[in-house]
Amino acid sequence: MIENYIAFIGSSLILILAPGPDIIFAITQGVVGGRKAGVLTALGLSVGNLFHTLVCMLGIGLVITTNPVLFSTIQILGSLYLFFLAYKSFVNRNQKFKLENEKVSKHLFYKGLIMNILNPKVVIFFLAFFPQFIKINSFNLSLQILILGIIFSLLVFIIFGSFAYFSGFISLLFKEKPKLVTYLNIISSIIFIALGCKILILSYNT
């Protein structure tokens, strides 16, 4: 079980580090409003993941206990979604890192929180990503999902918060070394493909 969590943390770190709208938003707030603004935004974004975790707890737990065939179907659809993300990451691998001209809000925590909660892609990603790290014959399924969600949310806060705190240096690094963004996107693409293949194998064996 420990190996499972190590694999989950390793995969999560790589995926969270991939340049995306959330991390760019956190860095933007850090550049425009200062370190505190960036960290508060990161905190809001990370807490928002707990909402999607609860959705997954209710959805996946119910499906597994009532309809294993439907769960396998969700796994297959999840793998296809991960393949789509892999394609998007690879196609956009040379996209330049750009900071949007966002205004600093006084309620940055809530802004990040609502931004994450209202993003349907997050819960879709969770439904695609979490099942492969769930052990059906192990302890309570909902508790497993909750643990994964808390771990993922903590990782998001640590990484997004660090990027926001050192936003000036990070933004300059990405601008001076655009190839770094390319490498991160390529690595993300490979990880998405690997995770998608793993889910297909798991769905075939269930």
C-alpha atoms as a PDB file:
ATOM      1  CA  MET A   1       0.000   0.000   0.000  1.00  0.00           C
ATOM      2  CA  ILE A   2       2.910   2.352   0.743  1.00  0.00           C
ATOM      3  CA  GLU A   3       4.248   1.773  -2.773  1.00  0.00           C
ATOM      4  CA  ASN A   4       0.841   2.772  -4.115  1.00  0.00           C
ATOM      5  CA  TYR A   5       0.963   6.128  -2.321  1.00  0.00           C
ATOM      6  CA  ILE A   6       4.553   6.723  -3.446  1.00  0.00           C
ATOM      7  CA  ALA A   7       3.485   6.115  -7.058  1.00  0.00           C
ATOM      8  CA  PHE A   8       0.519   8.449  -6.560  1.00  0.00           C
ATOM      9  CA  ILE A   9       2.702  11.220  -5.109  1.00  0.00           C
ATOM     10  CA  GLY A  10       5.279  10.854  -7.865  1.00  0.00           C
ATOM     11  CA  SER A  11       2.660  11.007 -10.624  1.00  0.00           C
ATOM     12  CA  SER A  12       0.860  13.898  -8.940  1.00  0.00           C
ATOM     13  CA  LEU A  13       4.025  15.976  -8.604  1.00  0.00           C
ATOM     14  CA  ILE A  14       4.788  15.731 -12.299  1.00  0.00           C
ATOM     15  CA  LEU A  15       1.214  16.509 -13.319  1.00  0.00           C
ATOM     16  CA  ILE A  16       0.911  19.470 -10.928  1.00  0.00           C
ATOM     17  CA  LEU A  17       4.202  20.908 -12.198  1.00  0.00           C
ATOM     18  CA  ALA A  18       2.906  20.936 -15.778  1.00  0.00           C
ATOM     19  CA  PRO A  19       2.249  24.550 -16.863  1.00  0.00           C
ATOM     20  CA  GLY A  20      -1.508  25.139 -16.763  1.00  0.00           C
ATOM     21  CA  PRO A  21      -4.030  27.930 -16.123  1.00  0.00           C
ATOM     22  CA  ASP A  22      -4.159  27.335 -12.353  1.00  0.00           C
ATOM     23  CA  ILE A  23      -0.435  27.524 -11.696  1.00  0.00           C
ATOM     24  CA  ILE A  24      -0.064  30.479 -14.077  1.00  0.00           C
ATOM     25  CA  PHE A  25      -2.916  32.238 -12.255  1.00  0.00           C
ATOM     26  CA  ALA A  26      -1.180  31.718  -8.899  1.00  0.00           C
ATOM     27  CA  ILE A  27       2.131  32.994 -10.269  1.00  0.00           C
ATOM     28  CA  THR A  28       0.358  35.996 -11.816  1.00  0.00           C
ATOM     29  CA  GLN A  29      -1.161  36.980  -8.479  1.00  0.00           C
ATOM     30  CA  GLY A  30       2.268  36.613  -6.876  1.00  0.00           C
ATOM     31  CA  VAL A  31       3.912  38.858  -9.469  1.00  0.00           C
ATOM     32  CA  VAL A  32       1.176  41.519  -9.392  1.00  0.00           C
ATOM     33  CA  GLY A  33       0.125  41.468  -5.743  1.00  0.00           C
ATOM     34  CA  GLY A  34       3.145  40.093  -3.934  1.00  0.00           C
ATOM     35  CA  ARG A  35       3.970  36.850  -2.162  1.00  0.00           C
ATOM     36  CA  LYS A  36       0.994  36.865   0.201  1.00  0.00           C
ATOM     37  CA  ALA A  37      -1.426  37.361  -2.684  1.00  0.00           C
ATOM     38  CA  GLY A  38       0.078  34.444  -4.589  1.00  0.00           C
ATOM     39  CA  VAL A  39       0.078  32.100  -1.609  1.00  0.00           C
ATOM     40  CA  LEU A  40      -3.557  32.933  -0.740  1.00  0.00           C
ATOM     41  CA  THR A  41      -4.539  32.188  -4.342  1.00  0.00           C
ATOM     42  CA  ALA A  42      -2.674  28.884  -4.189  1.00  0.00           C
ATOM     43  CA  LEU A  43      -4.453  28.011  -0.945  1.00  0.00           C
ATOM     44  CA  GLY A  44      -7.846  28.677  -2.508  1.00  0.00           C
ATOM     45  CA  LEU A  45      -7.022  26.554  -5.547  1.00  0.00           C
ATOM     46  CA  SER A  46      -5.809  23.659  -3.387  1.00  0.00           C
ATOM     47  CA  VAL A  47      -8.839  23.715  -1.046  1.00  0.00           C
ATOM     48  CA  GLY A  48     -11.075  23.644  -4.116  1.00  0.00           C
ATOM     49  CA  ASN A  49      -9.657  20.209  -4.877  1.00  0.00           C
ATOM     50  CA  LEU A  50     -11.256  18.903  -1.678  1.00  0.00           C
ATOM     51  CA  PHE A  51     -14.684  19.705  -3.136  1.00  0.00           C
ATOM     52  CA  HIS A  52     -13.927  17.572  -6.178  1.00  0.00           C
ATOM     53  CA  THR A  53     -12.576  14.871  -3.868  1.00  0.00           C
ATOM     54  CA  LEU A  54     -15.966  14.698  -2.127  1.00  0.00           C
ATOM     55  CA  VAL A  55     -17.690  14.416  -5.512  1.00  0.00           C
ATOM     56  CA  CYS A  56     -15.387  11.523  -6.402  1.00  0.00           C
ATOM     57  CA  MET A  57     -16.000   9.879  -3.029  1.00  0.00           C
ATOM     58  CA  LEU A  58     -19.748   9.850  -3.633  1.00  0.00           C
ATOM     59  CA  GLY A  59     -19.559   8.967  -7.322  1.00  0.00           C
ATOM     60  CA  ILE A  60     -16.825   6.327  -7.450  1.00  0.00           C
ATOM     61  CA  GLY A  61     -17.829   4.694  -4.166  1.00  0.00           C
ATOM     62  CA  LEU A  62     -21.434   4.320  -5.281  1.00  0.00           C
ATOM     63  CA  VAL A  63     -20.512   3.003  -8.732  1.00  0.00           C
ATOM     64  CA  ILE A  64     -18.006   0.432  -7.417  1.00  0.00           C
ATOM     65  CA  THR A  65     -20.457  -0.997  -4.895  1.00  0.00           C
ATOM     66  CA  THR A  66     -23.470  -1.061  -7.216  1.00  0.00           C
ATOM     67  CA  ASN A  67     -22.186  -1.613 -10.749  1.00  0.00           C
ATOM     68  CA  PRO A  68     -18.671  -2.972 -11.408  1.00  0.00           C
ATOM     69  CA  VAL A  69     -19.300  -2.961 -15.171  1.00  0.00           C
ATOM     70  CA  LEU A  70     -20.118   0.740 -15.101  1.00  0.00           C
ATOM     71  CA  PHE A  71     -16.963   1.322 -13.063  1.00  0.00           C
ATOM     72  CA  SER A  72     -14.910  -0.414 -15.768  1.00  0.00           C
ATOM     73  CA  THR A  73     -16.607   1.816 -18.349  1.00  0.00           C
ATOM     74  CA  ILE A  74     -15.666   4.903 -16.308  1.00  0.00           C
ATOM     75  CA  GLN A  75     -12.080   3.632 -16.163  1.00  0.00           C
ATOM     76  CA  ILE A  76     -11.968   3.259 -19.959  1.00  0.00           C
ATOM     77  CA  LEU A  77     -13.453   6.714 -20.500  1.00  0.00           C
ATOM     78  CA  GLY A  78     -10.979   8.050 -17.958  1.00  0.00           C
ATOM     79  CA  SER A  79      -8.070   6.544 -19.857  1.00  0.00           C
ATOM     80  CA  LEU A  80      -9.325   8.125 -23.093  1.00  0.00           C
ATOM     81  CA  TYR A  81      -9.490  11.485 -21.322  1.00  0.00           C
ATOM     82  CA  LEU A  82      -5.898  11.059 -20.141  1.00  0.00           C
ATOM     83  CA  PHE A  83      -4.835  10.246 -23.705  1.00  0.00           C
ATOM     84  CA  PHE A  84      -6.564  13.459 -24.791  1.00  0.00           C
ATOM     85  CA  LEU A  85      -4.640  15.416 -22.146  1.00  0.00           C
ATOM     86  CA  ALA A  86      -1.431  13.773 -23.374  1.00  0.00           C
ATOM     87  CA  TYR A  87      -2.232  14.931 -26.907  1.00  0.00           C
ATOM     88  CA  LYS A  88      -2.990  18.476 -25.717  1.00  0.00           C
ATOM     89  CA  SER A  89       0.242  18.656 -23.692  1.00  0.00           C
ATOM     90  CA  PHE A  90       2.313  17.453 -26.634  1.00  0.00           C
ATOM     91  CA  VAL A  91       0.646  19.729 -29.190  1.00  0.00           C
ATOM     92  CA  ASN A  92       1.047  22.756 -26.894  1.00  0.00           C
ATOM     93  CA  ARG A  93       4.577  21.828 -25.804  1.00  0.00           C
ATOM     94  CA  ASN A  94       6.106  24.910 -27.443  1.00  0.00           C
ATOM     95  CA  GLN A  95       3.495  27.341 -26.153  1.00  0.00           C
ATOM     96  CA  LYS A  96       5.136  30.335 -24.527  1.00  0.00           C
ATOM     97  CA  PHE A  97       4.675  31.056 -20.844  1.00  0.00           C
ATOM     98  CA  LYS A  98       2.476  34.143 -20.555  1.00  0.00           C
ATOM     99  CA  LEU A  99       1.283  36.023 -17.504  1.00  0.00           C
ATOM    100  CA  GLU A 100      -2.197  37.486 -17.844  1.00  0.00           C
ATOM    101  CA  ASN A 101      -2.838  41.074 -16.771  1.00  0.00           C
ATOM    102  CA  GLU A 102      -5.025  40.073 -13.825  1.00  0.00           C
ATOM    103  CA  LYS A 103      -6.051  42.575 -11.184  1.00  0.00           C
ATOM    104  CA  VAL A 104      -5.289  41.677  -7.606  1.00  0.00           C
ATOM    105  CA  SER A 105      -8.450  40.849  -5.669  1.00  0.00           C
ATOM    106  CA  LYS A 106      -8.918  41.439  -1.940  1.00  0.00           C
ATOM    107  CA  HIS A 107     -10.526  38.024  -1.698  1.00  0.00           C
ATOM    108  CA  LEU A 108      -7.881  35.950  -3.426  1.00  0.00           C
ATOM    109  CA  PHE A 109      -8.526  32.813  -1.386  1.00  0.00           C
ATOM    110  CA  TYR A 110     -12.193  32.751  -2.378  1.00  0.00           C
ATOM    111  CA  LYS A 111     -11.340  33.667  -5.957  1.00  0.00           C
ATOM    112  CA  GLY A 112      -8.990  30.680  -6.245  1.00  0.00           C
ATOM    113  CA  LEU A 113     -11.480  28.439  -4.441  1.00  0.00           C
ATOM    114  CA  ILE A 114     -14.408  29.341  -6.703  1.00  0.00           C
ATOM    115  CA  MET A 115     -12.200  29.192  -9.802  1.00  0.00           C
ATOM    116  CA  ASN A 116     -11.313  25.590  -8.950  1.00  0.00           C
ATOM    117  CA  ILE A 117     -14.799  24.469  -7.857  1.00  0.00           C
ATOM    118  CA  LEU A 118     -16.439  25.833 -11.020  1.00  0.00           C
ATOM    119  CA  ASN A 119     -13.939  24.055 -13.261  1.00  0.00           C
ATOM    120  CA  PRO A 120     -15.612  20.785 -14.372  1.00  0.00           C
ATOM    121  CA  LYS A 121     -12.319  19.570 -15.862  1.00  0.00           C
ATOM    122  CA  VAL A 122     -10.905  19.073 -12.355  1.00  0.00           C
ATOM    123  CA  VAL A 123     -13.509  16.521 -11.260  1.00  0.00           C
ATOM    124  CA  ILE A 124     -13.228  14.772 -14.644  1.00  0.00           C
ATOM    125  CA  PHE A 125      -9.482  14.560 -14.116  1.00  0.00           C
ATOM    126  CA  PHE A 126      -9.982  13.191 -10.597  1.00  0.00           C
ATOM    127  CA  LEU A 127     -12.403  10.545 -11.897  1.00  0.00           C
ATOM    128  CA  ALA A 128      -9.790   9.546 -14.474  1.00  0.00           C
ATOM    129  CA  PHE A 129      -6.750   9.743 -12.187  1.00  0.00           C
ATOM    130  CA  PHE A 130      -7.832   8.421  -8.784  1.00  0.00           C
ATOM    131  CA  PRO A 131      -9.332   4.976  -9.689  1.00  0.00           C
ATOM    132  CA  GLN A 132      -5.981   3.459 -10.622  1.00  0.00           C
ATOM    133  CA  PHE A 133      -4.669   4.104  -7.106  1.00  0.00           C
ATOM    134  CA  ILE A 134      -7.719   2.621  -5.383  1.00  0.00           C
ATOM    135  CA  LYS A 135      -7.418  -0.904  -4.001  1.00  0.00           C
ATOM    136  CA  ILE A 136     -10.893  -2.420  -4.250  1.00  0.00           C
ATOM    137  CA  ASN A 137     -10.081  -5.272  -1.873  1.00  0.00           C
ATOM    138  CA  SER A 138      -8.380  -3.017   0.657  1.00  0.00           C
ATOM    139  CA  PHE A 139      -9.948  -0.759   3.313  1.00  0.00           C
ATOM    140  CA  ASN A 140     -12.953   1.563   2.882  1.00  0.00           C
ATOM    141  CA  LEU A 141     -13.072   2.945  -0.683  1.00  0.00           C
ATOM    142  CA  SER A 142     -14.373   6.385   0.275  1.00  0.00           C
ATOM    143  CA  LEU A 143     -11.603   6.747   2.837  1.00  0.00           C
ATOM    144  CA  GLN A 144      -9.019   5.801   0.198  1.00  0.00           C
ATOM    145  CA  ILE A 145     -10.344   8.503  -2.133  1.00  0.00           C
ATOM    146  CA  LEU A 146     -10.363  11.041   0.717  1.00  0.00           C
ATOM    147  CA  ILE A 147      -6.729  10.265   1.557  1.00  0.00           C
ATOM    148  CA  LEU A 148      -5.703  10.626  -2.104  1.00  0.00           C
ATOM    149  CA  GLY A 149      -7.621  13.897  -2.359  1.00  0.00           C
ATOM    150  CA  ILE A 150      -5.999  15.337   0.763  1.00  0.00           C
ATOM    151  CA  ILE A 151      -2.532  14.308  -0.438  1.00  0.00           C
ATOM    152  CA  PHE A 152      -3.168  15.822  -3.866  1.00  0.00           C
ATOM    153  CA  SER A 153      -4.517  19.062  -2.348  1.00  0.00           C
ATOM    154  CA  LEU A 154      -1.489  19.382  -0.058  1.00  0.00           C
ATOM    155  CA  LEU A 155       0.860  18.852  -2.993  1.00  0.00           C
ATOM    156  CA  VAL A 156      -1.007  21.487  -5.006  1.00  0.00           C
ATOM    157  CA  PHE A 157      -0.679  24.004  -2.178  1.00  0.00           C
ATOM    158  CA  ILE A 158       3.012  23.260  -1.610  1.00  0.00           C
ATOM    159  CA  ILE A 159       3.886  23.538  -5.305  1.00  0.00           C
ATOM    160  CA  PHE A 160       1.536  26.368  -6.278  1.00  0.00           C
ATOM    161  CA  GLY A 161       2.360  28.222  -3.056  1.00  0.00           C
ATOM    162  CA  SER A 162       6.107  27.864  -3.658  1.00  0.00           C
ATOM    163  CA  PHE A 163       5.763  29.020  -7.257  1.00  0.00           C
ATOM    164  CA  ALA A 164       3.632  31.980  -6.139  1.00  0.00           C
ATOM    165  CA  TYR A 165       6.062  32.857  -3.320  1.00  0.00           C
ATOM    166  CA  PHE A 166       9.012  32.872  -5.714  1.00  0.00           C
ATOM    167  CA  SER A 167       6.844  34.138  -8.595  1.00  0.00           C
ATOM    168  CA  GLY A 168       9.314  36.771  -9.765  1.00  0.00           C
ATOM    169  CA  PHE A 169      12.126  34.258 -10.145  1.00  0.00           C
ATOM    170  CA  ILE A 170       9.870  31.552 -11.630  1.00  0.00           C
ATOM    171  CA  SER A 171       8.318  33.825 -14.269  1.00  0.00           C
ATOM    172  CA  LEU A 172      11.770  35.103 -15.250  1.00  0.00           C
ATOM    173  CA  LEU A 173      13.086  31.531 -15.444  1.00  0.00           C
ATOM    174  CA  PHE A 174      10.256  30.438 -17.755  1.00  0.00           C
ATOM    175  CA  LYS A 175      10.764  33.488 -19.962  1.00  0.00           C
ATOM    176  CA  GLU A 176      14.523  33.078 -20.196  1.00  0.00           C
ATOM    177  CA  LYS A 177      14.327  29.309 -20.673  1.00  0.00           C
ATOM    178  CA  PRO A 178      11.190  28.587 -22.757  1.00  0.00           C
ATOM    179  CA  LYS A 179      12.496  25.082 -23.425  1.00  0.00           C
ATOM    180  CA  LEU A 180      11.793  24.291 -19.769  1.00  0.00           C
ATOM    181  CA  VAL A 181       8.061  24.658 -20.432  1.00  0.00           C
ATOM    182  CA  THR A 182       8.455  22.410 -23.481  1.00  0.00           C
ATOM    183  CA  TYR A 183      10.187  19.707 -21.444  1.00  0.00           C
ATOM    184  CA  LEU A 184       7.541  19.867 -18.706  1.00  0.00           C
ATOM    185  CA  ASN A 185       4.763  19.479 -21.271  1.00  0.00           C
ATOM    186  CA  ILE A 186       6.491  16.518 -22.944  1.00  0.00           C
ATOM    187  CA  ILE A 187       7.027  14.804 -19.581  1.00  0.00           C
ATOM    188  CA  SER A 188       3.380  15.440 -18.702  1.00  0.00           C
ATOM    189  CA  SER A 189       2.295  13.945 -22.013  1.00  0.00           C
ATOM    190  CA  ILE A 190       4.306  10.785 -21.344  1.00  0.00           C
ATOM    191  CA  ILE A 191       2.872  10.504 -17.830  1.00  0.00           C
ATOM    192  CA  PHE A 192      -0.694  10.930 -19.114  1.00  0.00           C
ATOM    193  CA  ILE A 193      -0.157   8.148 -21.662  1.00  0.00           C
ATOM    194  CA  ALA A 194       1.351   5.849 -19.023  1.00  0.00           C
ATOM    195  CA  LEU A 195      -1.526   6.490 -16.617  1.00  0.00           C
ATOM    196  CA  GLY A 196      -4.085   5.959 -19.370  1.00  0.00           C
ATOM    197  CA  CYS A 197      -2.516   2.626 -20.318  1.00  0.00           C
ATOM    198  CA  LYS A 198      -2.442   1.558 -16.682  1.00  0.00           C
ATOM    199  CA  ILE A 199      -6.155   2.305 -16.308  1.00  0.00           C
ATOM    200  CA  LEU A 200      -6.947   0.266 -19.434  1.00  0.00           C
ATOM    201  CA  ILE A 201      -5.028  -2.687 -17.981  1.00  0.00           C
ATOM    202  CA  LEU A 202      -6.863  -2.349 -14.666  1.00  0.00           C
ATOM    203  CA  SER A 203     -10.267  -2.190 -16.397  1.00  0.00           C
ATOM    204  CA  TYR A 204      -9.401  -5.295 -18.428  1.00  0.00           C
ATOM    205  CA  ASN A 205      -8.487  -7.240 -15.277  1.00  0.00           C
ATOM    206  CA  THR A 206     -11.607  -6.273 -13.296  1.00  0.00           C
END
